[in-house]
Amino acid sequence: MTVTLSNASLTEEMEIEIRLSGASRFDGEAKVSMLQSDVRAYNTFDDPDRVTPAEHTENWTGQVCSLRLLPCCVCRINCFIR
């Protein structure tokens, strides 16, 4: 499953919770890619990597998982469910 989230606040973090219904469960590795930067930041030909995503892996199991979104960010989560 792929989930895409954003936090449009310029100053406040956001705690999100993803809850699966029925008999569905998160099943192991979740790859989290978060793009967070100054709202006015942008890439140029001279500085093509100024805004880049930070990626990490988390272990998600059970029906509920939570994640903290930084201010001014876009987040993509790739996870398995069963």
Protein backbone atom coordinates (compact mmCIF):
# COMPACT_ATOMS: atom_id res chain seq x y z
CA MET A 1 0.00 0.00 0.00
CA THR A 2 1.23 3.50 -0.76
CA VAL A 3 0.07 6.46 1.31
CA THR A 4 0.93 10.07 0.49
CA LEU A 5 0.53 12.80 3.11
CA SER A 6 1.42 16.45 3.48
CA ASN A 7 1.73 18.94 6.30
CA ALA A 8 1.08 22.43 4.93
CA SER A 9 1.86 24.19 8.21
CA LEU A 10 4.97 26.35 8.04
CA THR A 11 5.72 25.98 11.75
CA GLU A 12 3.82 23.11 13.38
CA GLU A 13 4.63 19.39 13.35
CA MET A 14 1.74 16.98 12.86
CA GLU A 15 1.27 13.56 14.45
CA ILE A 16 -0.71 11.26 12.16
CA GLU A 17 -2.16 7.83 12.82
CA ILE A 18 -3.03 5.27 10.16
CA ARG A 19 -5.62 2.74 11.32
CA LEU A 20 -6.56 -0.31 9.25
CA SER A 21 -10.07 -1.72 9.53
CA GLY A 22 -11.34 -5.27 9.73
CA ALA A 23 -8.80 -8.07 9.81
CA SER A 24 -6.12 -6.08 7.91
CA ARG A 25 -2.71 -5.68 9.55
CA PHE A 26 0.52 -3.91 8.72
CA ASP A 27 3.08 -6.56 7.85
CA GLY A 28 6.70 -5.56 8.42
CA GLU A 29 8.87 -3.06 6.63
CA ALA A 30 7.54 0.41 5.78
CA LYS A 31 9.68 2.71 3.63
CA VAL A 32 9.14 6.35 4.53
CA SER A 33 10.28 9.12 2.18
CA MET A 34 9.88 12.65 3.51
CA LEU A 35 10.54 15.86 1.60
CA GLN A 36 10.91 18.76 4.01
CA SER A 37 12.60 22.07 3.50
CA ASP A 38 12.21 25.80 3.62
CA VAL A 39 8.94 26.61 1.86
CA ARG A 40 10.86 28.93 -0.46
CA ALA A 41 13.58 26.39 -1.32
CA TYR A 42 13.85 25.07 -4.86
CA ASN A 43 16.29 23.16 -7.05
CA THR A 44 18.21 24.84 -9.86
CA PHE A 45 20.67 23.65 -12.49
CA ASP A 46 23.48 25.05 -10.31
CA ASP A 47 22.10 23.44 -7.13
CA PRO A 48 20.02 20.41 -8.24
CA ASP A 49 20.03 18.68 -4.84
CA ARG A 50 19.03 21.52 -2.56
CA VAL A 51 15.60 19.94 -1.98
CA THR A 52 15.82 16.15 -1.73
CA PRO A 53 13.81 13.53 0.15
CA ALA A 54 15.10 11.89 3.31
CA GLU A 55 14.34 8.16 3.36
CA HIS A 56 14.27 5.64 6.18
CA THR A 57 12.72 2.27 6.98
CA GLU A 58 10.47 1.45 9.94
CA ASN A 59 8.95 -1.80 11.17
CA TRP A 60 5.15 -1.52 11.09
CA THR A 61 3.01 -4.28 12.58
CA GLY A 62 -0.53 -4.42 13.92
CA GLN A 63 -3.56 -2.36 12.92
CA VAL A 64 -2.37 1.11 13.91
CA CYS A 65 0.86 2.95 13.10
CA SER A 66 1.79 6.56 13.69
CA LEU A 67 4.22 9.02 12.17
CA ARG A 68 5.30 12.59 12.92
CA LEU A 69 5.23 14.93 9.92
CA LEU A 70 7.64 17.86 10.04
CA PRO A 71 6.45 21.36 9.11
CA CYS A 72 6.11 22.04 5.39
CA CYS A 73 6.63 18.47 4.23
CA VAL A 74 5.34 15.87 1.82
CA CYS A 75 5.60 12.23 2.84
CA ARG A 76 5.25 8.93 0.94
CA ILE A 77 4.89 5.67 2.82
CA ASN A 78 5.22 2.29 1.10
CA CYS A 79 4.11 -0.55 3.36
CA PHE A 80 2.75 -4.07 3.23
CA ILE A 81 -0.60 -5.14 4.62
CA ARG A 82 -2.14 -8.57 5.00
